[in-house]
Protein backbone atom coordinates (compact mmCIF):
# COMPACT_ATOMS: atom_id res chain seq x y z
CA MET A 1 -2.98 -163.78 37.47
CA GLY A 2 -2.82 -163.17 33.73
CA THR A 3 -5.68 -161.18 32.22
CA LEU A 4 -8.50 -162.68 34.36
CA GLY A 5 -10.12 -163.44 31.00
CA LEU A 6 -10.56 -159.76 30.12
CA THR A 7 -9.77 -157.86 26.92
CA GLN A 8 -6.96 -155.30 26.83
CA GLU A 9 -9.59 -152.55 26.62
CA ALA A 10 -11.23 -153.73 29.83
CA LEU A 11 -7.87 -154.06 31.58
CA GLU A 12 -7.02 -150.46 30.72
CA SER A 13 -10.38 -149.14 31.88
CA HIS A 14 -11.41 -147.87 35.31
CA ILE A 15 -12.65 -151.30 36.38
CA ALA A 16 -9.10 -152.63 36.70
CA TRP A 17 -7.37 -149.66 38.34
CA ASP A 18 -7.81 -146.03 39.45
CA PRO A 19 -6.34 -143.96 36.58
CA GLY A 20 -4.34 -140.97 37.79
CA ALA A 21 -4.65 -141.73 41.50
CA LEU A 22 -1.10 -142.96 42.04
CA ALA A 23 0.41 -140.16 39.96
CA VAL A 24 -1.44 -137.51 41.98
CA SER A 25 -0.51 -139.30 45.20
CA ALA A 26 3.19 -139.27 44.26
CA LEU A 27 3.09 -135.54 43.55
CA MET A 28 1.28 -134.82 46.82
CA SER A 29 3.74 -137.00 48.70
CA LYS A 30 6.61 -134.84 47.44
CA GLN A 31 4.80 -131.57 48.10
CA LEU A 32 3.84 -132.56 51.65
CA ASP A 33 6.93 -134.64 52.48
CA ALA A 34 4.51 -137.47 53.26
CA ALA A 35 4.91 -141.24 53.21
CA LEU A 36 3.25 -142.95 50.24
CA PHE A 37 2.07 -146.55 50.65
CA HIS A 38 0.42 -148.40 47.77
CA GLN A 39 -0.12 -151.85 46.33
CA ARG A 40 0.94 -153.02 42.86
CA PHE A 41 -1.88 -155.38 41.87
CA SER A 42 -5.08 -154.64 39.98
CA ARG A 43 -8.03 -154.15 42.28
CA LEU A 44 -9.74 -156.92 40.31
CA VAL A 45 -7.24 -159.42 41.70
CA TYR A 46 -7.72 -158.02 45.22
CA ASP A 47 -9.07 -154.59 46.15
CA CYS A 48 -7.08 -153.74 49.28
CA ASN A 49 -9.71 -151.19 50.28
CA ARG A 50 -12.06 -154.08 51.04
CA PRO A 51 -11.97 -156.71 53.80
CA PRO A 52 -11.60 -160.38 52.80
CA GLU A 53 -15.26 -161.20 53.42
CA ALA A 54 -16.52 -158.49 51.03
CA ASP A 55 -17.66 -159.62 47.57
CA ALA A 56 -16.05 -156.46 46.15
CA ALA A 57 -12.61 -157.59 47.34
CA MET A 58 -12.51 -159.96 44.35
CA PRO A 59 -15.53 -158.95 42.25
CA ALA A 60 -17.13 -161.32 39.77
CA VAL A 61 -18.77 -158.30 38.09
CA SER A 62 -17.49 -154.71 37.89
CA GLU A 63 -19.97 -152.20 36.49
CA ILE A 64 -21.02 -153.81 33.15
CA PHE A 65 -18.08 -156.20 32.90
CA ASN A 66 -18.06 -159.85 33.94
CA ILE A 67 -14.67 -160.89 35.37
CA PRO A 68 -14.16 -164.52 34.24
CA GLY A 69 -11.08 -165.03 36.41
CA ASN A 70 -13.11 -164.13 39.50
CA ALA A 71 -16.18 -166.23 38.72
CA GLY A 72 -16.86 -169.05 41.14
CA LEU A 73 -13.76 -168.57 43.27
CA SER A 74 -13.44 -171.25 45.93
CA SER A 75 -12.80 -170.36 49.56
CA GLU A 76 -9.26 -171.66 49.05
CA ASP A 77 -8.73 -169.37 46.05
CA ARG A 78 -10.00 -166.36 47.99
CA LEU A 79 -7.79 -167.21 50.96
CA ALA A 80 -4.72 -167.55 48.73
CA ARG A 81 -5.24 -164.08 47.26
CA THR A 82 -5.97 -162.63 50.68
CA GLN A 83 -2.76 -164.05 52.11
CA ALA A 84 -0.67 -163.04 49.10
CA ILE A 85 -1.97 -159.48 48.63
CA TYR A 86 -4.27 -158.12 51.33
CA TYR A 87 -2.49 -159.27 54.50
CA PRO A 88 0.93 -157.91 53.45
CA PHE A 89 -0.71 -154.60 52.51
CA ARG A 90 -2.66 -154.38 55.77
CA GLU A 91 0.26 -155.39 57.94
CA GLY A 92 2.73 -153.17 56.10
CA LEU A 93 0.51 -150.12 56.50
CA ALA A 94 -0.17 -150.97 60.15
CA ASP A 95 3.56 -151.30 60.79
CA LEU A 96 4.28 -147.96 59.11
CA ILE A 97 1.66 -146.19 61.22
CA ALA A 98 2.83 -147.88 64.43
CA ALA A 99 6.45 -146.89 63.75
CA ARG A 100 5.46 -143.26 63.22
CA VAL A 101 3.39 -143.22 66.41
CA ARG A 102 6.30 -144.70 68.39
CA LYS A 103 8.56 -141.92 67.13
CA GLY A 104 5.98 -139.29 68.05
CA GLN A 105 5.50 -138.27 64.42
CA PRO A 106 2.15 -136.55 63.75
CA THR A 107 0.26 -138.95 61.51
CA VAL A 108 -2.79 -138.44 59.29
CA LEU A 109 -4.28 -141.10 57.02
CA VAL A 110 -5.29 -139.97 53.52
CA THR A 111 -6.47 -142.59 51.01
CA MET A 112 -6.51 -141.72 47.30
CA HIS A 113 -8.78 -143.03 44.55
CA SER A 114 -10.26 -141.98 41.21
CA PHE A 115 -13.65 -142.63 39.64
CA THR A 116 -15.09 -142.78 36.15
CA PRO A 117 -17.02 -139.74 34.84
CA VAL A 118 -19.76 -142.00 33.44
CA TYR A 119 -21.07 -144.93 35.48
CA HIS A 120 -23.76 -147.29 34.17
CA GLY A 121 -24.42 -144.73 31.44
CA LYS A 122 -25.02 -141.83 33.84
CA PRO A 123 -22.68 -138.80 33.77
CA ARG A 124 -21.25 -137.60 37.08
CA SER A 125 -20.87 -133.87 37.60
CA VAL A 126 -18.99 -134.11 40.89
CA GLU A 127 -15.25 -133.65 40.33
CA VAL A 128 -13.71 -134.29 43.74
CA GLY A 129 -15.17 -136.33 46.58
CA ILE A 130 -14.10 -135.81 50.19
CA LEU A 131 -15.21 -138.96 52.00
CA HIS A 132 -15.32 -139.90 55.65
CA ASP A 133 -16.76 -142.49 57.99
CA ALA A 134 -17.59 -141.79 61.65
CA ASP A 135 -14.78 -139.25 62.08
CA ALA A 136 -15.58 -136.24 59.87
CA ARG A 137 -13.10 -133.77 61.40
CA LEU A 138 -10.60 -133.63 58.55
CA ALA A 139 -13.25 -133.94 55.85
CA ASP A 140 -15.21 -131.05 57.41
CA ALA A 141 -12.09 -128.90 57.51
CA MET A 142 -11.14 -129.67 53.90
CA LEU A 143 -14.66 -128.99 52.63
CA ALA A 144 -14.67 -125.67 54.48
CA ALA A 145 -11.33 -124.83 52.88
CA ALA A 146 -12.73 -125.67 49.44
CA VAL A 147 -15.62 -123.24 49.96
CA ALA A 148 -13.33 -120.54 51.33
CA ASP A 149 -11.00 -120.88 48.35
CA GLY A 150 -13.81 -120.56 45.82
CA ALA A 151 -14.03 -124.28 45.00
CA ALA A 152 -11.85 -124.55 41.91
CA PHE A 153 -13.42 -127.98 41.44
CA ASP A 154 -16.92 -129.26 42.21
CA THR A 155 -16.02 -130.77 45.59
CA ARG A 156 -18.63 -132.67 47.61
CA ARG A 157 -18.98 -134.73 50.76
CA ASN A 158 -19.28 -138.53 50.42
CA GLU A 159 -19.76 -138.49 46.64
CA PRO A 160 -19.83 -140.36 44.34
CA TYR A 161 -19.50 -143.00 47.07
CA GLY A 162 -19.90 -143.05 50.83
CA PRO A 163 -19.72 -145.34 53.86
CA ALA A 164 -22.86 -147.21 52.80
CA ASP A 165 -20.99 -148.38 49.67
CA GLY A 166 -18.34 -150.11 51.78
CA VAL A 167 -15.50 -147.87 50.58
CA THR A 168 -14.20 -146.68 53.96
CA HIS A 169 -12.61 -149.94 55.12
CA THR A 170 -9.06 -148.53 55.15
CA LEU A 171 -10.20 -145.44 57.06
CA ILE A 172 -11.84 -147.64 59.69
CA GLU A 173 -9.07 -150.24 59.93
CA HIS A 174 -6.11 -147.85 60.07
CA GLY A 175 -7.58 -144.46 60.92
CA LEU A 176 -10.52 -144.81 63.29
CA LYS A 177 -9.05 -147.75 65.19
CA ASN A 178 -5.87 -145.75 65.82
CA GLY A 179 -7.61 -142.48 66.65
CA LEU A 180 -5.98 -140.77 63.65
CA LEU A 181 -7.39 -137.96 61.57
CA ASN A 182 -8.39 -139.56 58.29
CA VAL A 183 -10.03 -138.81 54.97
CA MET A 184 -10.64 -140.51 51.63
CA ILE A 185 -10.27 -138.53 48.40
CA GLU A 186 -11.95 -139.47 45.12
CA ILE A 187 -10.92 -137.68 41.88
CA ARG A 188 -12.88 -137.85 38.63
CA ASN A 189 -10.35 -139.54 36.40
CA ASP A 190 -10.84 -137.39 33.29
CA LEU A 191 -9.33 -134.53 35.29
CA VAL A 192 -6.07 -136.41 35.90
CA SER A 193 -5.57 -138.14 32.56
CA ASP A 194 -2.34 -136.24 31.80
CA GLU A 195 0.60 -134.72 33.67
CA THR A 196 -0.83 -131.21 33.60
CA GLY A 197 -4.10 -132.30 35.13
CA GLN A 198 -2.27 -134.40 37.71
CA ARG A 199 -0.11 -131.44 38.78
CA VAL A 200 -3.11 -129.13 39.01
CA MET A 201 -5.11 -131.62 41.06
CA ALA A 202 -2.18 -132.43 43.35
CA GLY A 203 -1.75 -128.73 44.08
CA TYR A 204 -5.46 -128.28 44.77
CA LEU A 205 -5.70 -131.25 47.09
CA ALA A 206 -2.44 -130.55 48.91
CA GLY A 207 -3.75 -127.04 49.50
CA LEU A 208 -7.07 -128.30 50.89
CA LEU A 209 -5.30 -130.80 53.11
CA GLY A 210 -2.83 -128.24 54.42
CA GLU A 211 -5.48 -125.62 55.10
CA GLY A 212 -7.77 -128.19 56.65
CA LEU A 213 -5.10 -129.50 59.02
CA ALA A 214 -4.00 -125.98 59.96
CA SER A 215 -7.56 -125.14 61.01
CA LEU A 216 -7.85 -128.10 63.40
CA PRO A 217 -6.66 -128.17 67.03
CA GLN A 218 -3.14 -129.55 67.30
């Protein structure tokens, strides 16, 4: 897809990817002996946390940036990207979950993202967001664990985004529809800009997840 008409600065910014999210996910995967499933394309080409009909799946504008390569996409162009990127991601994740369920493996869906500390010129004080849709069981348990542990980071429910922003598609599609415990985690990306921060955050989140799951009925 080339550069989508963007400068290198824009391509390296938060509009094109979630800085630190994959690194933290990889560390948590090792700590928890958990499967890690991720895509390898910029979310500007196709954001796999959005359904095909959503404008944000292939945004023409992201925050203050126009995305020339996404302007005026035809229905054929959108379908081609959906078939090339979203469907393989959706089907691959669905197959992974189904295989685990068939084997009787306890399965929990955790989606990982990061967010910019300044959005449209406004600073964000929240450091970690614990997001949920209709099923709040795991989010409730993790937020309770954060309070009990003294909240090393400013950790809040459904911030800086929530269901109304259309960010819980993966939770709905693969968690709610399968009756699985699920949660979405958002990390402020300045906290995970280096390896030290990534290790600290992975330890914090793995701890919250472990404590939260341990507190729920098996």
